[in-house]
N, C-alpha and C. Protein backbone atom coordinates (compact mmCIF):
# COMPACT_ATOMS: atom_id res chain seq x y z
N MET A 1 57.28 9.32 -179.51
CA MET A 1 57.62 9.59 -180.95
C MET A 1 59.02 9.67 -181.65
N THR A 2 59.19 9.07 -182.33
CA THR A 2 60.42 9.24 -182.91
C THR A 2 60.34 10.08 -183.96
N GLY A 3 61.29 10.54 -184.90
CA GLY A 3 61.32 11.15 -185.66
C GLY A 3 62.59 11.78 -186.21
N SER A 4 62.37 12.37 -187.70
CA SER A 4 63.49 13.13 -187.76
C SER A 4 63.29 14.13 -187.79
N ARG A 5 64.60 15.18 -187.88
CA ARG A 5 63.79 16.64 -187.25
C ARG A 5 63.67 17.57 -188.25
N ARG A 6 62.42 18.39 -188.10
CA ARG A 6 61.67 18.95 -188.97
C ARG A 6 62.04 20.50 -188.74
N THR A 7 62.30 20.84 -190.23
CA THR A 7 62.29 22.32 -190.18
C THR A 7 61.15 23.29 -189.90
N GLU A 8 60.81 24.39 -189.30
CA GLU A 8 59.80 25.11 -189.11
C GLU A 8 60.12 26.74 -189.34
N GLY A 9 59.45 27.28 -190.42
CA GLY A 9 59.91 28.70 -190.38
C GLY A 9 61.64 28.82 -190.67
N ALA A 10 61.59 30.68 -190.55
CA ALA A 10 63.04 30.49 -190.74
C ALA A 10 63.74 30.97 -189.66
N GLY A 11 65.29 30.63 -188.93
CA GLY A 11 65.95 31.21 -187.64
C GLY A 11 66.54 32.39 -188.22
N ALA A 12 67.06 32.66 -187.53
CA ALA A 12 68.30 33.46 -187.72
C ALA A 12 68.95 34.23 -188.55
N GLY A 13 69.07 34.52 -190.09
CA GLY A 13 69.91 34.97 -190.67
C GLY A 13 68.89 34.19 -191.75
N GLY A 14 67.82 33.57 -191.73
CA GLY A 14 67.07 33.41 -192.84
C GLY A 14 67.38 31.36 -192.72
N SER A 15 68.07 31.07 -191.92
CA SER A 15 68.16 29.95 -192.55
C SER A 15 67.08 28.67 -191.58
N PRO A 16 66.65 27.48 -192.03
CA PRO A 16 65.34 27.01 -191.50
C PRO A 16 65.79 26.95 -189.98
N ALA A 17 64.85 26.98 -189.07
CA ALA A 17 65.07 26.55 -187.67
C ALA A 17 64.72 25.45 -187.57
N ARG A 18 65.38 24.73 -187.01
CA ARG A 18 65.14 23.38 -186.12
C ARG A 18 64.22 23.10 -184.77
N THR A 19 63.47 21.69 -185.22
CA THR A 19 63.04 21.72 -183.99
C THR A 19 64.07 20.54 -182.86
N PRO A 20 64.24 20.74 -181.58
CA PRO A 20 65.34 20.02 -181.48
C PRO A 20 65.26 18.72 -181.02
N PRO A 21 66.13 18.27 -180.82
CA PRO A 21 66.07 16.57 -180.86
C PRO A 21 65.11 16.21 -179.89
N ALA A 22 64.42 14.48 -180.20
CA ALA A 22 63.67 13.73 -179.83
C ALA A 22 64.11 13.85 -177.80
N ARG A 23 62.91 14.38 -177.06
CA ARG A 23 63.56 13.54 -175.87
C ARG A 23 63.35 12.42 -175.67
N ASP A 24 64.33 11.98 -174.39
CA ASP A 24 64.24 10.53 -174.23
C ASP A 24 63.92 10.60 -172.84
N LEU A 25 62.70 9.69 -172.61
CA LEU A 25 61.78 9.22 -171.29
C LEU A 25 62.15 8.14 -170.65
N ALA A 26 61.85 8.07 -169.27
CA ALA A 26 62.33 6.97 -168.61
C ALA A 26 60.81 7.13 -167.86
N ARG A 27 60.06 5.61 -168.32
CA ARG A 27 58.49 5.89 -167.13
C ARG A 27 58.62 4.78 -166.23
N HIS A 28 58.29 5.56 -164.94
CA HIS A 28 58.70 4.18 -164.02
C HIS A 28 57.24 3.64 -163.57
N HIS A 29 56.70 3.10 -162.88
CA HIS A 29 56.17 2.06 -162.34
C HIS A 29 55.35 2.68 -161.93
N ASP A 30 55.38 3.33 -161.26
CA ASP A 30 53.85 4.36 -160.94
C ASP A 30 53.58 5.59 -161.58
N GLY A 31 53.94 5.42 -163.18
CA GLY A 31 53.78 6.05 -164.48
C GLY A 31 54.38 7.47 -164.11
N SER A 32 55.15 7.89 -163.16
CA SER A 32 56.02 9.39 -163.41
C SER A 32 57.15 9.35 -164.67
N LEU A 33 57.21 10.29 -165.09
CA LEU A 33 58.33 10.22 -165.89
C LEU A 33 59.11 11.09 -165.95
N TYR A 34 60.42 10.91 -166.14
CA TYR A 34 61.64 11.34 -166.03
C TYR A 34 62.66 11.73 -167.24
N ASP A 35 62.92 12.85 -167.46
CA ASP A 35 63.78 13.52 -168.89
C ASP A 35 65.13 12.74 -168.87
N THR A 36 65.74 11.87 -169.30
CA THR A 36 66.90 11.02 -168.93
C THR A 36 68.01 12.09 -169.19
N ALA A 37 67.98 12.80 -170.18
CA ALA A 37 69.24 13.74 -170.85
C ALA A 37 69.20 15.23 -169.59
N ARG A 38 67.69 15.41 -169.36
CA ARG A 38 68.33 16.76 -168.49
C ARG A 38 68.03 16.31 -167.32
N GLN A 39 67.82 14.99 -167.02
CA GLN A 39 67.80 14.81 -165.98
C GLN A 39 66.83 15.67 -165.01
N CYS A 40 65.13 15.21 -165.22
CA CYS A 40 64.56 15.97 -164.59
C CYS A 40 63.19 15.17 -164.30
N PRO A 41 62.05 15.29 -163.88
CA PRO A 41 61.37 14.86 -164.09
C PRO A 41 60.38 15.46 -164.74
N VAL A 42 59.35 15.05 -165.68
CA VAL A 42 58.67 15.81 -167.01
C VAL A 42 56.93 15.83 -166.39
N ALA A 43 56.42 16.35 -166.68
CA ALA A 43 54.73 16.31 -166.45
C ALA A 43 53.84 16.01 -167.68
N LEU A 44 52.84 15.53 -167.47
CA LEU A 44 51.87 15.27 -169.05
C LEU A 44 51.93 16.42 -169.44
N ALA A 45 51.07 17.70 -168.66
CA ALA A 45 50.83 18.65 -169.31
C ALA A 45 52.44 19.59 -170.07
N GLU A 46 53.53 19.52 -170.08
CA GLU A 46 54.70 20.12 -170.24
C GLU A 46 55.32 19.31 -172.18
N LEU A 47 54.91 17.51 -171.38
CA LEU A 47 55.24 16.94 -172.59
C LEU A 47 54.15 17.22 -173.42
N ALA A 48 52.81 17.11 -173.12
CA ALA A 48 52.08 17.58 -174.03
C ALA A 48 51.92 19.29 -174.76
N GLU A 49 52.33 19.95 -174.46
CA GLU A 49 52.44 21.87 -174.75
C GLU A 49 54.37 21.30 -175.79
N ASP A 50 55.34 20.74 -175.09
CA ASP A 50 56.23 20.22 -176.38
C ASP A 50 55.59 19.26 -177.68
N VAL A 51 55.00 18.75 -177.47
CA VAL A 51 54.62 18.08 -178.85
C VAL A 51 53.63 18.94 -179.68
N ARG A 52 52.54 19.92 -179.46
CA ARG A 52 52.21 21.20 -180.02
C ARG A 52 52.54 21.84 -180.76
N GLY A 53 54.04 21.66 -179.87
CA GLY A 53 55.27 22.45 -180.89
C GLY A 53 55.82 21.96 -181.30
N GLY A 54 55.79 20.90 -181.92
CA GLY A 54 56.77 20.26 -183.02
C GLY A 54 57.76 19.37 -182.49
N GLY A 55 57.66 19.43 -180.95
CA GLY A 55 58.87 18.41 -180.14
C GLY A 55 58.32 16.69 -180.60
N SER A 56 59.47 16.63 -180.46
CA SER A 56 59.15 14.85 -180.23
C SER A 56 59.66 13.77 -178.97
N PHE A 57 59.25 12.92 -178.60
CA PHE A 57 59.77 12.27 -177.36
C PHE A 57 59.68 10.44 -177.76
N ARG A 58 60.69 9.92 -177.07
CA ARG A 58 60.77 8.50 -176.80
C ARG A 58 60.64 8.23 -175.49
N ALA A 59 59.96 7.36 -175.16
CA ALA A 59 59.43 6.86 -173.49
C ALA A 59 60.51 5.47 -173.81
N ARG A 60 60.46 4.89 -172.79
CA ARG A 60 60.88 3.39 -172.18
C ARG A 60 60.58 3.34 -171.03
N ASP A 61 60.17 1.87 -170.54
CA ASP A 61 60.09 1.65 -169.49
C ASP A 61 61.17 1.83 -168.52
N ALA A 62 60.95 2.23 -167.32
CA ALA A 62 62.63 2.41 -166.47
C ALA A 62 62.97 0.85 -165.90
N ALA A 63 62.01 0.21 -165.72
CA ALA A 63 62.25 -1.33 -165.15
C ALA A 63 63.23 -2.77 -166.37
N THR A 64 62.15 -2.48 -167.42
CA THR A 64 62.56 -3.22 -168.70
C THR A 64 63.00 -2.87 -169.54
N GLY A 65 63.19 -1.66 -170.06
CA GLY A 65 63.45 -1.20 -171.12
C GLY A 65 62.71 -1.23 -172.46
N ARG A 66 61.86 -1.67 -172.24
CA ARG A 66 60.75 -1.51 -173.54
C ARG A 66 60.06 -0.53 -173.86
N ASP A 67 60.19 -0.16 -175.02
CA ASP A 67 59.03 0.94 -175.37
C ASP A 67 57.83 1.27 -175.21
N CYS A 68 57.45 2.55 -174.38
CA CYS A 68 56.14 2.56 -174.25
C CYS A 68 55.78 3.93 -174.47
N THR A 69 56.47 4.36 -175.81
CA THR A 69 55.64 5.89 -176.30
C THR A 69 54.47 6.24 -176.75
N TYR A 70 53.61 5.00 -176.90
CA TYR A 70 52.66 4.95 -177.52
C TYR A 70 51.48 5.59 -176.05
N ARG A 71 51.70 4.30 -175.04
CA ARG A 71 51.19 4.24 -174.22
C ARG A 71 51.43 6.14 -173.02
N VAL A 72 52.64 6.55 -173.32
CA VAL A 72 52.55 8.06 -172.84
C VAL A 72 51.89 8.59 -173.81
N LEU A 73 52.03 8.60 -174.72
CA LEU A 73 51.35 9.68 -176.01
C LEU A 73 49.84 9.51 -175.44
N ALA A 74 49.46 8.45 -175.40
CA ALA A 74 48.01 8.07 -174.72
C ALA A 74 47.41 8.86 -173.81
N ALA A 75 48.26 8.40 -172.26
CA ALA A 75 48.02 8.86 -171.40
C ALA A 75 48.24 10.75 -171.51
N VAL A 76 49.06 11.35 -172.18
CA VAL A 76 48.93 13.01 -172.79
C VAL A 76 47.59 13.09 -173.43
N LEU A 77 47.24 12.44 -174.22
CA LEU A 77 45.74 12.76 -175.04
C LEU A 77 44.49 12.31 -173.82
N ALA A 78 44.73 11.48 -173.39
CA ALA A 78 43.34 11.33 -172.26
C ALA A 78 43.77 12.44 -171.19
N GLN A 79 44.99 13.18 -170.64
CA GLN A 79 44.73 13.99 -169.99
C GLN A 79 43.86 15.40 -170.59
N GLU A 80 44.83 15.34 -172.16
CA GLU A 80 44.14 16.74 -172.46
C GLU A 80 42.47 16.71 -172.56
N VAL A 81 41.93 15.57 -173.08
CA VAL A 81 40.54 15.38 -173.58
C VAL A 81 39.91 15.59 -171.81
N ALA A 82 40.50 15.03 -170.63
CA ALA A 82 39.55 15.18 -169.31
C ALA A 82 39.86 16.28 -169.13
N TRP A 83 41.19 17.35 -169.56
CA TRP A 83 40.71 18.91 -168.82
C TRP A 83 40.00 19.82 -170.16
N GLY A 84 39.30 19.33 -170.72
CA GLY A 84 38.33 19.70 -171.50
C GLY A 84 39.75 20.57 -172.69
N ALA A 85 41.22 19.87 -172.60
CA ALA A 85 41.46 20.79 -174.06
C ALA A 85 41.49 21.14 -175.18
N GLY A 86 40.43 20.60 -175.58
CA GLY A 86 39.49 20.79 -176.54
C GLY A 86 39.04 20.48 -177.85
N MET A 87 38.58 21.42 -177.91
CA MET A 87 38.39 21.55 -179.83
C MET A 87 39.14 21.58 -180.48
N PRO A 88 39.76 21.06 -181.64
CA PRO A 88 40.76 21.17 -182.33
C PRO A 88 40.54 22.35 -182.94
N GLY A 89 41.90 22.74 -182.74
CA GLY A 89 42.08 24.23 -183.22
C GLY A 89 42.22 25.35 -182.36
N ARG A 90 41.68 24.63 -181.36
CA ARG A 90 41.44 26.20 -179.94
C ARG A 90 42.64 25.42 -178.92
N ASN A 91 42.89 24.55 -178.54
CA ASN A 91 44.23 24.89 -178.03
C ASN A 91 45.15 23.84 -178.54
N GLY A 92 45.36 23.04 -179.73
CA GLY A 92 46.44 21.89 -179.68
C GLY A 92 46.24 20.81 -179.85
N LEU A 93 44.79 20.25 -179.49
CA LEU A 93 44.61 18.94 -179.10
C LEU A 93 43.94 18.34 -181.09
N SER A 94 44.43 19.16 -181.90
CA SER A 94 44.39 18.34 -183.40
C SER A 94 45.33 18.28 -183.76
N ALA A 95 46.92 18.92 -182.71
CA ALA A 95 48.15 18.66 -183.26
C ALA A 95 48.31 17.73 -182.22
N LEU A 96 47.99 16.97 -181.78
CA LEU A 96 47.93 16.43 -180.76
C LEU A 96 47.93 15.03 -181.53
N ARG A 97 46.65 15.19 -181.95
CA ARG A 97 46.15 13.62 -182.94
C ARG A 97 47.10 13.80 -184.35
N ALA A 98 47.29 14.63 -184.98
CA ALA A 98 48.66 14.68 -185.57
C ALA A 98 49.91 14.07 -185.14
N ALA A 99 50.64 14.38 -183.97
CA ALA A 99 51.43 13.53 -183.76
C ALA A 99 51.27 12.30 -183.86
N VAL A 100 49.73 11.69 -183.26
CA VAL A 100 49.49 10.21 -183.18
C VAL A 100 49.68 9.62 -184.32
N SER A 101 48.93 10.03 -185.26
CA SER A 101 49.09 9.79 -186.81
C SER A 101 50.86 9.67 -187.23
N ALA A 102 51.74 10.89 -187.17
CA ALA A 102 53.16 10.69 -187.14
C ALA A 102 53.65 9.71 -187.11
N VAL A 103 53.38 8.86 -185.75
CA VAL A 103 54.45 8.05 -185.20
C VAL A 103 53.97 6.69 -185.49
N ARG A 104 52.72 6.22 -185.87
CA ARG A 104 51.86 5.08 -186.35
C ARG A 104 52.83 4.12 -187.07
N PRO A 105 53.33 2.92 -186.59
CA PRO A 105 54.33 1.97 -187.13
C PRO A 105 53.70 1.90 -188.83
N PRO A 106 54.77 1.60 -189.99
CA PRO A 106 54.58 1.50 -191.27
C PRO A 106 53.44 0.39 -191.22
N ALA A 107 52.44 0.25 -191.98
CA ALA A 107 51.55 -0.98 -192.44
C ALA A 107 52.53 -2.06 -192.85
N PRO A 108 52.37 -3.59 -192.32
CA PRO A 108 53.51 -4.30 -193.24
C PRO A 108 53.02 -4.52 -194.72
N GLY A 109 54.24 -4.56 -195.33
CA GLY A 109 53.68 -4.95 -196.94
C GLY A 109 54.29 -5.30 -197.71
């Protein structure tokens, strides 16, 4: 998911708190994810939690460099549904759905 930083709530001193910048992920042929900045593997559950908290990410295929953000987001959603994560509002599935809506490309026109 790409996007600009969003303000949420107030930070120390009354200034707006900002979400961290988008994570850059590499997706390997076996489906595993790797955070290129932090240099560590990323589990889908961790990524789901980040998205629920307002975080964003961009994923690229490690071999080709092609964007695969939607594929990774779909895997996150599928895992959440398979684990029974939920009813909207219960533990964040509605937030994940909102994240999908937020990253849809604009309609040509």
